[in-house]
Amino acid sequence: MIHHVGLEVPTASTDAEVAFWALLSFREVTPPDPSLAERSRWVQSRDGSQIHLLTVAAPVVPVTGHVAVVAAAYDDTVAALRAAGHEAAPRREYWDAPRTQVRSPAGHLVELTARPPG
């Protein structure tokens, strides 16, 4: 299991990022040290996986690098993303599971899948 992924985001977009990840069933959690809270915000899924939103002046956003998330309520999650104004684009299915790609408010590519392989 991967414990966390750190994504650089501009300080001004952290609220929008936290709201985006909430649509994917991640809730905000408090970092274990106040110095971390000064420079990041953390969100966590039900299984304990975390996304650390690292606030920086000029974030680096990979063009094709991405985070993949298994969405237990896949159809509802995609609908919620679209209702919130995010462009969720269907992708080719692998292992008989629907997939969608969407960009976070900071521009990070996120892949949603209905289930993991195998």
PDB file of N, CA and C in Angstrom:
ATOM      1  N   MET A   1       0.845  -1.177   0.000  1.00  0.00           N
ATOM      2  CA  MET A   1       0.000   0.000   0.000  1.00  0.00           C
ATOM      3  C   MET A   1       0.893   1.244   0.000  1.00  0.00           C
ATOM      4  N   ILE A   2       0.539   2.208  -0.795  1.00  0.00           N
ATOM      5  CA  ILE A   2       1.206   3.498  -0.760  1.00  0.00           C
ATOM      6  C   ILE A   2       0.506   4.314   0.323  1.00  0.00           C
ATOM      7  N   HIS A   3       1.288   4.870   1.246  1.00  0.00           N
ATOM      8  CA  HIS A   3       0.688   5.638   2.342  1.00  0.00           C
ATOM      9  C   HIS A   3       0.205   7.005   1.885  1.00  0.00           C
ATOM     10  N   HIS A   4       1.070   7.740   1.166  1.00  0.00           N
ATOM     11  CA  HIS A   4       0.636   9.055   0.706  1.00  0.00           C
ATOM     12  C   HIS A   4       1.366   9.482  -0.555  1.00  0.00           C
ATOM     13  N   VAL A   5       0.758  10.464  -1.201  1.00  0.00           N
ATOM     14  CA  VAL A   5       1.322  11.122  -2.367  1.00  0.00           C
ATOM     15  C   VAL A   5       1.307  12.614  -2.060  1.00  0.00           C
ATOM     16  N   GLY A   6       2.396  13.304  -2.357  1.00  0.00           N
ATOM     17  CA  GLY A   6       2.450  14.751  -2.178  1.00  0.00           C
ATOM     18  C   GLY A   6       2.261  15.441  -3.513  1.00  0.00           C
ATOM     19  N   LEU A   7       1.335  16.383  -3.566  1.00  0.00           N
ATOM     20  CA  LEU A   7       1.070  17.136  -4.783  1.00  0.00           C
ATOM     21  C   LEU A   7       1.259  18.619  -4.490  1.00  0.00           C
ATOM     22  N   GLU A   8       2.025  19.294  -5.327  1.00  0.00           N
ATOM     23  CA  GLU A   8       2.226  20.729  -5.166  1.00  0.00           C
ATOM     24  C   GLU A   8       0.998  21.477  -5.676  1.00  0.00           C
ATOM     25  N   VAL A   9       0.543  22.447  -4.870  1.00  0.00           N
ATOM     26  CA  VAL A   9      -0.607  23.272  -5.236  1.00  0.00           C
ATOM     27  C   VAL A   9      -0.332  24.715  -4.835  1.00  0.00           C
ATOM     28  N   PRO A  10      -0.888  25.674  -5.580  1.00  0.00           N
ATOM     29  CA  PRO A  10      -0.739  27.055  -5.147  1.00  0.00           C
ATOM     30  C   PRO A  10      -1.559  27.291  -3.881  1.00  0.00           C
ATOM     31  N   THR A  11      -1.049  28.100  -2.991  1.00  0.00           N
ATOM     32  CA  THR A  11      -1.724  28.371  -1.720  1.00  0.00           C
ATOM     33  C   THR A  11      -3.174  28.798  -1.935  1.00  0.00           C
ATOM     34  N   ALA A  12      -3.407  29.610  -2.943  1.00  0.00           N
ATOM     35  CA  ALA A  12      -4.756  30.133  -3.188  1.00  0.00           C
ATOM     36  C   ALA A  12      -5.762  29.054  -3.582  1.00  0.00           C
ATOM     37  N   SER A  13      -5.308  27.887  -4.006  1.00  0.00           N
ATOM     38  CA  SER A  13      -6.254  26.861  -4.454  1.00  0.00           C
ATOM     39  C   SER A  13      -6.432  25.713  -3.460  1.00  0.00           C
ATOM     40  N   THR A  14      -5.893  25.832  -2.250  1.00  0.00           N
ATOM     41  CA  THR A  14      -5.991  24.696  -1.331  1.00  0.00           C
ATOM     42  C   THR A  14      -7.424  24.382  -0.930  1.00  0.00           C
ATOM     43  N   ASP A  15      -8.264  25.403  -0.721  1.00  0.00           N
ATOM     44  CA  ASP A  15      -9.667  25.123  -0.382  1.00  0.00           C
ATOM     45  C   ASP A  15     -10.351  24.356  -1.513  1.00  0.00           C
ATOM     46  N   ALA A  16     -10.110  24.782  -2.746  1.00  0.00           N
ATOM     47  CA  ALA A  16     -10.701  24.093  -3.896  1.00  0.00           C
ATOM     48  C   ALA A  16     -10.170  22.671  -4.022  1.00  0.00           C
ATOM     49  N   GLU A  17      -8.890  22.474  -3.731  1.00  0.00           N
ATOM     50  CA  GLU A  17      -8.309  21.121  -3.773  1.00  0.00           C
ATOM     51  C   GLU A  17      -8.940  20.219  -2.712  1.00  0.00           C
ATOM     52  N   VAL A  18      -9.076  20.724  -1.497  1.00  0.00           N
ATOM     53  CA  VAL A  18      -9.687  19.925  -0.432  1.00  0.00           C
ATOM     54  C   VAL A  18     -11.126  19.568  -0.818  1.00  0.00           C
ATOM     55  N   ALA A  19     -11.864  20.504  -1.385  1.00  0.00           N
ATOM     56  CA  ALA A  19     -13.237  20.235  -1.819  1.00  0.00           C
ATOM     57  C   ALA A  19     -13.270  19.192  -2.938  1.00  0.00           C
ATOM     58  N   PHE A  20     -12.318  19.286  -3.872  1.00  0.00           N
ATOM     59  CA  PHE A  20     -12.225  18.304  -4.961  1.00  0.00           C
ATOM     60  C   PHE A  20     -12.007  16.906  -4.402  1.00  0.00           C
ATOM     61  N   TRP A  21     -11.028  16.766  -3.511  1.00  0.00           N
ATOM     62  CA  TRP A  21     -10.727  15.449  -2.965  1.00  0.00           C
ATOM     63  C   TRP A  21     -11.870  14.916  -2.105  1.00  0.00           C
ATOM     64  N   ALA A  22     -12.659  15.807  -1.511  1.00  0.00           N
ATOM     65  CA  ALA A  22     -13.836  15.366  -0.755  1.00  0.00           C
ATOM     66  C   ALA A  22     -14.829  14.660  -1.674  1.00  0.00           C
ATOM     67  N   LEU A  23     -14.919  15.106  -2.924  1.00  0.00           N
ATOM     68  CA  LEU A  23     -15.796  14.436  -3.897  1.00  0.00           C
ATOM     69  C   LEU A  23     -15.337  13.005  -4.167  1.00  0.00           C
ATOM     70  N   LEU A  24     -14.049  12.735  -3.901  1.00  0.00           N
ATOM     71  CA  LEU A  24     -13.487  11.396  -4.112  1.00  0.00           C
ATOM     72  C   LEU A  24     -13.402  10.620  -2.794  1.00  0.00           C
ATOM     73  N   SER A  25     -14.149  11.077  -1.798  1.00  0.00           N
ATOM     74  CA  SER A  25     -14.243  10.425  -0.479  1.00  0.00           C
ATOM     75  C   SER A  25     -12.981  10.562   0.367  1.00  0.00           C
ATOM     76  N   PHE A  26     -12.232  11.639   0.164  1.00  0.00           N
ATOM     77  CA  PHE A  26     -11.097  11.947   1.026  1.00  0.00           C
ATOM     78  C   PHE A  26     -11.548  13.062   1.970  1.00  0.00           C
ATOM     79  N   ARG A  27     -11.267  12.918   3.249  1.00  0.00           N
ATOM     80  CA  ARG A  27     -11.615  13.962   4.214  1.00  0.00           C
ATOM     81  C   ARG A  27     -10.339  14.606   4.723  1.00  0.00           C
ATOM     82  N   GLU A  28     -10.448  15.868   5.093  1.00  0.00           N
ATOM     83  CA  GLU A  28      -9.262  16.564   5.591  1.00  0.00           C
ATOM     84  C   GLU A  28      -8.894  16.048   6.976  1.00  0.00           C
ATOM     85  N   VAL A  29      -7.596  15.845   7.185  1.00  0.00           N
ATOM     86  CA  VAL A  29      -7.059  15.423   8.477  1.00  0.00           C
ATOM     87  C   VAL A  29      -5.969  16.406   8.897  1.00  0.00           C
ATOM     88  N   THR A  30      -5.703  16.440  10.174  1.00  0.00           N
ATOM     89  CA  THR A  30      -4.692  17.352  10.704  1.00  0.00           C
ATOM     90  C   THR A  30      -3.313  16.716  10.618  1.00  0.00           C
ATOM     91  N   PRO A  31      -2.343  17.405  10.016  1.00  0.00           N
ATOM     92  CA  PRO A  31      -0.972  16.881  10.013  1.00  0.00           C
ATOM     93  C   PRO A  31      -0.466  16.697  11.444  1.00  0.00           C
ATOM     94  N   PRO A  32       0.471  15.779  11.665  1.00  0.00           N
ATOM     95  CA  PRO A  32       0.920  15.465  13.019  1.00  0.00           C
ATOM     96  C   PRO A  32       1.787  16.532  13.684  1.00  0.00           C
ATOM     97  N   ASP A  33       2.186  17.551  12.939  1.00  0.00           N
ATOM     98  CA  ASP A  33       3.051  18.589  13.509  1.00  0.00           C
ATOM     99  C   ASP A  33       2.590  19.950  12.977  1.00  0.00           C
ATOM    100  N   PRO A  34       2.516  20.965  13.826  1.00  0.00           N
ATOM    101  CA  PRO A  34       2.076  22.288  13.372  1.00  0.00           C
ATOM    102  C   PRO A  34       2.914  22.858  12.222  1.00  0.00           C
ATOM    103  N   SER A  35       4.201  22.532  12.166  1.00  0.00           N
ATOM    104  CA  SER A  35       5.033  23.056  11.078  1.00  0.00           C
ATOM    105  C   SER A  35       4.585  22.487   9.724  1.00  0.00           C
ATOM    106  N   LEU A  36       4.051  21.275   9.730  1.00  0.00           N
ATOM    107  CA  LEU A  36       3.533  20.691   8.489  1.00  0.00           C
ATOM    108  C   LEU A  36       2.242  21.387   8.064  1.00  0.00           C
ATOM    109  N   ALA A  37       1.418  21.735   9.039  1.00  0.00           N
ATOM    110  CA  ALA A  37       0.158  22.420   8.744  1.00  0.00           C
ATOM    111  C   ALA A  37       0.392  23.816   8.176  1.00  0.00           C
ATOM    112  N   GLU A  38       1.543  24.404   8.455  1.00  0.00           N
ATOM    113  CA  GLU A  38       1.870  25.729   7.927  1.00  0.00           C
ATOM    114  C   GLU A  38       2.152  25.703   6.431  1.00  0.00           C
ATOM    115  N   ARG A  39       2.526  24.535   5.913  1.00  0.00           N
ATOM    116  CA  ARG A  39       2.920  24.463   4.501  1.00  0.00           C
ATOM    117  C   ARG A  39       2.194  23.381   3.706  1.00  0.00           C
ATOM    118  N   SER A  40       1.134  22.803   4.310  1.00  0.00           N
ATOM    119  CA  SER A  40       0.395  21.769   3.589  1.00  0.00           C
ATOM    120  C   SER A  40      -0.972  21.547   4.209  1.00  0.00           C
ATOM    121  N   ARG A  41      -1.822  20.894   3.441  1.00  0.00           N
ATOM    122  CA  ARG A  41      -3.096  20.389   3.950  1.00  0.00           C
ATOM    123  C   ARG A  41      -3.178  18.936   3.530  1.00  0.00           C
ATOM    124  N   TRP A  42      -3.709  18.119   4.402  1.00  0.00           N
ATOM    125  CA  TRP A  42      -3.754  16.679   4.146  1.00  0.00           C
ATOM    126  C   TRP A  42      -5.195  16.201   4.049  1.00  0.00           C
ATOM    127  N   VAL A  43      -5.425  15.274   3.117  1.00  0.00           N
ATOM    128  CA  VAL A  43      -6.719  14.597   3.008  1.00  0.00           C
ATOM    129  C   VAL A  43      -6.466  13.098   3.039  1.00  0.00           C
ATOM    130  N   GLN A  44      -7.455  12.354   3.527  1.00  0.00           N
ATOM    131  CA  GLN A  44      -7.272  10.913   3.721  1.00  0.00           C
ATOM    132  C   GLN A  44      -8.529  10.157   3.307  1.00  0.00           C
ATOM    133  N   SER A  45      -8.328   9.015   2.663  1.00  0.00           N
ATOM    134  CA  SER A  45      -9.437   8.150   2.282  1.00  0.00           C
ATOM    135  C   SER A  45      -9.797   7.217   3.436  1.00  0.00           C
ATOM    136  N   ARG A  46     -10.885   6.493   3.278  1.00  0.00           N
ATOM    137  CA  ARG A  46     -11.316   5.551   4.322  1.00  0.00           C
ATOM    138  C   ARG A  46     -10.277   4.472   4.602  1.00  0.00           C
ATOM    139  N   ASP A  47      -9.490   4.103   3.581  1.00  0.00           N
ATOM    140  CA  ASP A  47      -8.494   3.038   3.782  1.00  0.00           C
ATOM    141  C   ASP A  47      -7.175   3.565   4.356  1.00  0.00           C
ATOM    142  N   GLY A  48      -7.091   4.863   4.612  1.00  0.00           N
ATOM    143  CA  GLY A  48      -5.894   5.441   5.207  1.00  0.00           C
ATOM    144  C   GLY A  48      -4.926   6.060   4.227  1.00  0.00           C
ATOM    145  N   SER A  49      -5.159   5.920   2.921  1.00  0.00           N
ATOM    146  CA  SER A  49      -4.290   6.564   1.928  1.00  0.00           C
ATOM    147  C   SER A  49      -4.466   8.073   2.027  1.00  0.00           C
ATOM    148  N   GLN A  50      -3.356   8.794   1.894  1.00  0.00           N
ATOM    149  CA  GLN A  50      -3.407  10.242   2.034  1.00  0.00           C
ATOM    150  C   GLN A  50      -2.864  10.954   0.795  1.00  0.00           C
ATOM    151  N   ILE A  51      -3.383  12.158   0.591  1.00  0.00           N
ATOM    152  CA  ILE A  51      -2.851  13.091  -0.388  1.00  0.00           C
ATOM    153  C   ILE A  51      -2.403  14.297   0.428  1.00  0.00           C
ATOM    154  N   HIS A  52      -1.129  14.672   0.306  1.00  0.00           N
ATOM    155  CA  HIS A  52      -0.605  15.850   0.984  1.00  0.00           C
ATOM    156  C   HIS A  52      -0.538  16.978  -0.037  1.00  0.00           C
ATOM    157  N   LEU A  53      -1.317  17.994   0.190  1.00  0.00           N
ATOM    158  CA  LEU A  53      -1.366  19.149  -0.695  1.00  0.00           C
ATOM    159  C   LEU A  53      -0.322  20.144  -0.208  1.00  0.00           C
ATOM    160  N   LEU A  54       0.795  20.187  -0.915  1.00  0.00           N
ATOM    161  CA  LEU A  54       1.964  20.969  -0.517  1.00  0.00           C
ATOM    162  C   LEU A  54       1.877  22.354  -1.149  1.00  0.00           C
ATOM    163  N   THR A  55       1.727  23.372  -0.326  1.00  0.00           N
ATOM    164  CA  THR A  55       1.547  24.719  -0.852  1.00  0.00           C
ATOM    165  C   THR A  55       2.888  25.330  -1.242  1.00  0.00           C
ATOM    166  N   VAL A  56       2.959  25.771  -2.488  1.00  0.00           N
ATOM    167  CA  VAL A  56       4.162  26.407  -3.030  1.00  0.00           C
ATOM    168  C   VAL A  56       3.744  27.553  -3.953  1.00  0.00           C
ATOM    169  N   ALA A  57       4.669  28.482  -4.151  1.00  0.00           N
ATOM    170  CA  ALA A  57       4.378  29.646  -4.990  1.00  0.00           C
ATOM    171  C   ALA A  57       4.208  29.266  -6.462  1.00  0.00           C
ATOM    172  N   ALA A  58       5.060  28.363  -6.946  1.00  0.00           N
ATOM    173  CA  ALA A  58       5.017  27.965  -8.359  1.00  0.00           C
ATOM    174  C   ALA A  58       4.995  26.435  -8.432  1.00  0.00           C
ATOM    175  N   PRO A  59       3.812  25.828  -8.313  1.00  0.00           N
ATOM    176  CA  PRO A  59       3.736  24.374  -8.293  1.00  0.00           C
ATOM    177  C   PRO A  59       4.163  23.736  -9.609  1.00  0.00           C
ATOM    178  N   VAL A  60       4.701  22.538  -9.483  1.00  0.00           N
ATOM    179  CA  VAL A  60       5.030  21.724 -10.651  1.00  0.00           C
ATOM    180  C   VAL A  60       3.912  20.700 -10.802  1.00  0.00           C
ATOM    181  N   VAL A  61       3.283  20.709 -11.972  1.00  0.00           N
ATOM    182  CA  VAL A  61       2.193  19.776 -12.249  1.00  0.00           C
ATOM    183  C   VAL A  61       2.613  18.924 -13.435  1.00  0.00           C
ATOM    184  N   PRO A  62       2.872  17.622 -13.225  1.00  0.00           N
ATOM    185  CA  PRO A  62       3.264  16.762 -14.343  1.00  0.00           C
ATOM    186  C   PRO A  62       2.179  16.723 -15.421  1.00  0.00           C
ATOM    187  N   VAL A  63       2.598  16.634 -16.661  1.00  0.00           N
ATOM    188  CA  VAL A  63       1.654  16.621 -17.774  1.00  0.00           C
ATOM    189  C   VAL A  63       0.871  15.307 -17.808  1.00  0.00           C
ATOM    190  N   THR A  64       1.569  14.190 -17.696  1.00  0.00           N
ATOM    191  CA  THR A  64       0.879  12.898 -17.785  1.00  0.00           C
ATOM    192  C   THR A  64       0.930  12.094 -16.493  1.00  0.00           C
ATOM    193  N   GLY A  65       1.819  12.443 -15.571  1.00  0.00           N
ATOM    194  CA  GLY A  65       1.856  11.750 -14.291  1.00  0.00           C
ATOM    195  C   GLY A  65       0.521  11.944 -13.587  1.00  0.00           C
ATOM    196  N   HIS A  66       0.075  10.923 -12.854  1.00  0.00           N
ATOM    197  CA  HIS A  66      -1.250  11.013 -12.261  1.00  0.00           C
ATOM    198  C   HIS A  66      -1.379  10.152 -11.012  1.00  0.00           C
ATOM    199  N   VAL A  67      -2.450  10.387 -10.288  1.00  0.00           N
ATOM    200  CA  VAL A  67      -2.845   9.583  -9.138  1.00  0.00           C
ATOM    201  C   VAL A  67      -4.069   8.801  -9.577  1.00  0.00           C
ATOM    202  N   ALA A  68      -4.111   7.503  -9.273  1.00  0.00           N
ATOM    203  CA  ALA A  68      -5.277   6.689  -9.594  1.00  0.00           C
ATOM    204  C   ALA A  68      -6.015   6.353  -8.306  1.00  0.00           C
ATOM    205  N   VAL A  69      -7.321   6.511  -8.326  1.00  0.00           N
ATOM    206  CA  VAL A  69      -8.161   6.286  -7.152  1.00  0.00           C
ATOM    207  C   VAL A  69      -9.259   5.299  -7.525  1.00  0.00           C
ATOM    208  N   VAL A  70      -9.448   4.285  -6.682  1.00  0.00           N
ATOM    209  CA  VAL A  70     -10.573   3.370  -6.859  1.00  0.00           C
ATOM    210  C   VAL A  70     -11.774   4.021  -6.175  1.00  0.00           C
ATOM    211  N   ALA A  71     -12.810   4.265  -6.934  1.00  0.00           N
ATOM    212  CA  ALA A  71     -14.022   4.900  -6.410  1.00  0.00           C
ATOM    213  C   ALA A  71     -15.073   3.824  -6.181  1.00  0.00           C
ATOM    214  N   ALA A  72     -15.373   3.534  -4.927  1.00  0.00           N
ATOM    215  CA  ALA A  72     -16.336   2.481  -4.587  1.00  0.00           C
ATOM    216  C   ALA A  72     -17.697   2.753  -5.220  1.00  0.00           C
ATOM    217  N   ALA A  73     -18.140   3.991  -5.169  1.00  0.00           N
ATOM    218  CA  ALA A  73     -19.406   4.388  -5.800  1.00  0.00           C
ATOM    219  C   ALA A  73     -19.055   5.147  -7.076  1.00  0.00           C
ATOM    220  N   TYR A  74     -18.496   4.434  -8.021  1.00  0.00           N
ATOM    221  CA  TYR A  74     -17.913   5.041  -9.221  1.00  0.00           C
ATOM    222  C   TYR A  74     -18.887   5.983  -9.941  1.00  0.00           C
ATOM    223  N   ASP A  75     -20.056   5.501 -10.312  1.00  0.00           N
ATOM    224  CA  ASP A  75     -21.009   6.324 -11.073  1.00  0.00           C
ATOM    225  C   ASP A  75     -21.424   7.570 -10.294  1.00  0.00           C
ATOM    226  N   ASP A  76     -21.680   7.409  -9.004  1.00  0.00           N
ATOM    227  CA  ASP A  76     -22.057   8.552  -8.172  1.00  0.00           C
ATOM    228  C   ASP A  76     -20.909   9.552  -8.062  1.00  0.00           C
ATOM    229  N   THR A  77     -19.680   9.050  -7.965  1.00  0.00           N
ATOM    230  CA  THR A  77     -18.515   9.926  -7.863  1.00  0.00           C
ATOM    231  C   THR A  77     -18.327  10.734  -9.131  1.00  0.00           C
ATOM    232  N   VAL A  78     -18.430  10.077 -10.283  1.00  0.00           N
ATOM    233  CA  VAL A  78     -18.297  10.789 -11.564  1.00  0.00           C
ATOM    234  C   VAL A  78     -19.403  11.834 -11.698  1.00  0.00           C
ATOM    235  N   ALA A  79     -20.622  11.477 -11.318  1.00  0.00           N
ATOM    236  CA  ALA A  79     -21.739  12.428 -11.383  1.00  0.00           C
ATOM    237  C   ALA A  79     -21.494  13.617 -10.461  1.00  0.00           C
ATOM    238  N   ALA A  80     -20.978  13.378  -9.262  1.00  0.00           N
ATOM    239  CA  ALA A  80     -20.701  14.463  -8.326  1.00  0.00           C
ATOM    240  C   ALA A  80     -19.610  15.391  -8.859  1.00  0.00           C
ATOM    241  N   LEU A  81     -18.584  14.814  -9.474  1.00  0.00           N
ATOM    242  CA  LEU A  81     -17.528  15.636 -10.072  1.00  0.00           C
ATOM    243  C   LEU A  81     -18.100  16.534 -11.160  1.00  0.00           C
ATOM    244  N   ARG A  82     -18.911  15.965 -12.032  1.00  0.00           N
ATOM    245  CA  ARG A  82     -19.496  16.748 -13.124  1.00  0.00           C
ATOM    246  C   ARG A  82     -20.432  17.823 -12.588  1.00  0.00           C
ATOM    247  N   ALA A  83     -21.228  17.480 -11.575  1.00  0.00           N
ATOM    248  CA  ALA A  83     -22.148  18.450 -10.979  1.00  0.00           C
ATOM    249  C   ALA A  83     -21.387  19.612 -10.341  1.00  0.00           C
ATOM    250  N   ALA A  84     -20.181  19.349  -9.878  1.00  0.00           N
ATOM    251  CA  ALA A  84     -19.349  20.390  -9.268  1.00  0.00           C
ATOM    252  C   ALA A  84     -18.557  21.176 -10.318  1.00  0.00           C
ATOM    253  N   GLY A  85     -18.755  20.841 -11.598  1.00  0.00           N
ATOM    254  CA  GLY A  85     -18.113  21.598 -12.670  1.00  0.00           C
ATOM    255  C   GLY A  85     -16.797  21.048 -13.175  1.00  0.00           C
ATOM    256  N   HIS A  86     -16.431  19.844 -12.745  1.00  0.00           N
ATOM    257  CA  HIS A  86     -15.183  19.231 -13.214  1.00  0.00           C
ATOM    258  C   HIS A  86     -15.449  18.420 -14.478  1.00  0.00           C
ATOM    259  N   GLU A  87     -14.551  18.551 -15.441  1.00  0.00           N
ATOM    260  CA  GLU A  87     -14.681  17.804 -16.690  1.00  0.00           C
ATOM    261  C   GLU A  87     -14.124  16.399 -16.494  1.00  0.00           C
ATOM    262  N   ALA A  88     -15.021  15.443 -16.335  1.00  0.00           N
ATOM    263  CA  ALA A  88     -14.638  14.043 -16.123  1.00  0.00           C
ATOM    264  C   ALA A  88     -14.800  13.306 -17.449  1.00  0.00           C
ATOM    265  N   ALA A  89     -13.678  12.885 -18.023  1.00  0.00           N
ATOM    266  CA  ALA A  89     -13.677  12.278 -19.359  1.00  0.00           C
ATOM    267  C   ALA A  89     -13.511  10.760 -19.275  1.00  0.00           C
ATOM    268  N   PRO A  90     -14.459  10.015 -19.832  1.00  0.00           N
ATOM    269  CA  PRO A  90     -14.321   8.556 -19.824  1.00  0.00           C
ATOM    270  C   PRO A  90     -13.065   8.126 -20.577  1.00  0.00           C
ATOM    271  N   ARG A  91     -12.478   7.034 -20.138  1.00  0.00           N
ATOM    272  CA  ARG A  91     -11.286   6.472 -20.755  1.00  0.00           C
ATOM    273  C   ARG A  91     -11.556   5.033 -21.154  1.00  0.00           C
ATOM    274  N   ARG A  92     -10.654   4.472 -21.918  1.00  0.00           N
ATOM    275  CA  ARG A  92     -10.755   3.074 -22.320  1.00  0.00           C
ATOM    276  C   ARG A  92     -10.766   2.180 -21.068  1.00  0.00           C
ATOM    277  N   GLU A  93     -11.633   1.178 -21.081  1.00  0.00           N
ATOM    278  CA  GLU A  93     -11.721   0.269 -19.935  1.00  0.00           C
ATOM    279  C   GLU A  93     -10.615  -0.770 -19.975  1.00  0.00           C
ATOM    280  N   TYR A  94     -10.076  -1.048 -18.808  1.00  0.00           N
ATOM    281  CA  TYR A  94      -9.150  -2.157 -18.617  1.00  0.00           C
ATOM    282  C   TYR A  94      -9.722  -3.029 -17.512  1.00  0.00           C
ATOM    283  N   TRP A  95      -9.374  -4.305 -17.506  1.00  0.00           N
ATOM    284  CA  TRP A  95      -9.850  -5.294 -16.541  1.00  0.00           C
ATOM    285  C   TRP A  95     -11.348  -5.161 -16.258  1.00  0.00           C
ATOM    286  N   ASP A  96     -12.112  -4.858 -17.336  1.00  0.00           N
ATOM    287  CA  ASP A  96     -13.578  -4.731 -17.259  1.00  0.00           C
ATOM    288  C   ASP A  96     -14.044  -3.746 -16.196  1.00  0.00           C
ATOM    289  N   ALA A  97     -13.323  -2.655 -16.058  1.00  0.00           N
ATOM    290  CA  ALA A  97     -13.699  -1.626 -15.088  1.00  0.00           C
ATOM    291  C   ALA A  97     -13.759  -0.273 -15.783  1.00  0.00           C
ATOM    292  N   PRO A  98     -14.840   0.469 -15.614  1.00  0.00           N
ATOM    293  CA  PRO A  98     -14.879   1.813 -16.193  1.00  0.00           C
ATOM    294  C   PRO A  98     -13.808   2.703 -15.570  1.00  0.00           C
ATOM    295  N   ARG A  99     -13.287   3.634 -16.380  1.00  0.00           N
ATOM    296  CA  ARG A  99     -12.264   4.575 -15.932  1.00  0.00           C
ATOM    297  C   ARG A  99     -12.614   5.972 -16.419  1.00  0.00           C
ATOM    298  N   THR A 100     -12.203   6.947 -15.658  1.00  0.00           N
ATOM    299  CA  THR A 100     -12.431   8.349 -15.999  1.00  0.00           C
ATOM    300  C   THR A 100     -11.202   9.141 -15.584  1.00  0.00           C
ATOM    301  N   GLN A 101     -10.875  10.169 -16.362  1.00  0.00           N
ATOM    302  CA  GLN A 101      -9.802  11.082 -15.972  1.00  0.00           C
ATOM    303  C   GLN A 101     -10.391  12.460 -15.722  1.00  0.00           C
ATOM    304  N   VAL A 102      -9.827  13.133 -14.721  1.00  0.00           N
ATOM    305  CA  VAL A 102     -10.283  14.466 -14.349  1.00  0.00           C
ATOM    306  C   VAL A 102      -9.074  15.234 -13.825  1.00  0.00           C
ATOM    307  N   ARG A 103      -9.092  16.538 -13.963  1.00  0.00           N
ATOM    308  CA  ARG A 103      -8.023  17.379 -13.428  1.00  0.00           C
ATOM    309  C   ARG A 103      -8.501  18.036 -12.137  1.00  0.00           C
ATOM    310  N   SER A 104      -7.630  18.060 -11.146  1.00  0.00           N
ATOM    311  CA  SER A 104      -7.938  18.761  -9.897  1.00  0.00           C
ATOM    312  C   SER A 104      -7.882  20.260 -10.163  1.00  0.00           C
ATOM    313  N   PRO A 105      -8.370  21.089  -9.258  1.00  0.00           N
ATOM    314  CA  PRO A 105      -8.302  22.541  -9.476  1.00  0.00           C
ATOM    315  C   PRO A 105      -6.889  23.066  -9.730  1.00  0.00           C
ATOM    316  N   ALA A 106      -5.868  22.409  -9.173  1.00  0.00           N
ATOM    317  CA  ALA A 106      -4.485  22.827  -9.408  1.00  0.00           C
ATOM    318  C   ALA A 106      -3.922  22.241 -10.693  1.00  0.00           C
ATOM    319  N   GLY A 107      -4.706  21.402 -11.380  1.00  0.00           N
ATOM    320  CA  GLY A 107      -4.282  20.848 -12.664  1.00  0.00           C
ATOM    321  C   GLY A 107      -3.733  19.440 -12.626  1.00  0.00           C
ATOM    322  N   HIS A 108      -3.722  18.793 -11.471  1.00  0.00           N
ATOM    323  CA  HIS A 108      -3.205  17.427 -11.382  1.00  0.00           C
ATOM    324  C   HIS A 108      -4.169  16.447 -12.028  1.00  0.00           C
ATOM    325  N   LEU A 109      -3.620  15.516 -12.787  1.00  0.00           N
ATOM    326  CA  LEU A 109      -4.418  14.496 -13.450  1.00  0.00           C
ATOM    327  C   LEU A 109      -4.755  13.396 -12.447  1.00  0.00           C
ATOM    328  N   VAL A 110      -6.045  13.073 -12.361  1.00  0.00           N
ATOM    329  CA  VAL A 110      -6.515  12.030 -11.461  1.00  0.00           C
ATOM    330  C   VAL A 110      -7.318  11.031 -12.286  1.00  0.00           C
ATOM    331  N   GLU A 111      -6.969   9.766 -12.130  1.00  0.00           N
ATOM    332  CA  GLU A 111      -7.701   8.699 -12.813  1.00  0.00           C
ATOM    333  C   GLU A 111      -8.597   8.009 -11.793  1.00  0.00           C
ATOM    334  N   LEU A 112      -9.857   7.855 -12.167  1.00  0.00           N
ATOM    335  CA  LEU A 112     -10.802   7.118 -11.329  1.00  0.00           C
ATOM    336  C   LEU A 112     -11.095   5.784 -11.990  1.00  0.00           C
ATOM    337  N   THR A 113     -11.200   4.757 -11.202  1.00  0.00           N
ATOM    338  CA  THR A 113     -11.581   3.455 -11.721  1.00  0.00           C
ATOM    339  C   THR A 113     -12.597   2.842 -10.767  1.00  0.00           C
ATOM    340  N   ALA A 114     -13.460   2.014 -11.306  1.00  0.00           N
ATOM    341  CA  ALA A 114     -14.494   1.389 -10.474  1.00  0.00           C
ATOM    342  C   ALA A 114     -13.925   0.291  -9.585  1.00  0.00           C
ATOM    343  N   ARG A 115     -12.827  -0.313  -9.993  1.00  0.00           N
ATOM    344  CA  ARG A 115     -12.189  -1.361  -9.179  1.00  0.00           C
ATOM    345  C   ARG A 115     -10.761  -1.550  -9.626  1.00  0.00           C
ATOM    346  N   PRO A 116      -9.943  -2.070  -8.742  1.00  0.00           N
ATOM    347  CA  PRO A 116      -8.534  -2.300  -9.104  1.00  0.00           C
ATOM    348  C   PRO A 116      -8.408  -3.539  -9.986  1.00  0.00           C
ATOM    349  N   PRO A 117      -7.261  -3.700 -10.638  1.00  0.00           N
ATOM    350  CA  PRO A 117      -7.055  -4.903 -11.442  1.00  0.00           C
ATOM    351  C   PRO A 117      -7.010  -6.152 -10.567  1.00  0.00           C
ATOM    352  N   GLY A 118      -7.345  -7.269 -11.195  1.00  0.00           N
ATOM    353  CA  GLY A 118      -7.263  -8.560 -10.473  1.00  0.00           C
ATOM    354  C   GLY A 118      -8.422  -8.729  -9.597  1.00  0.00           C
TER     355      GLY A 118
END
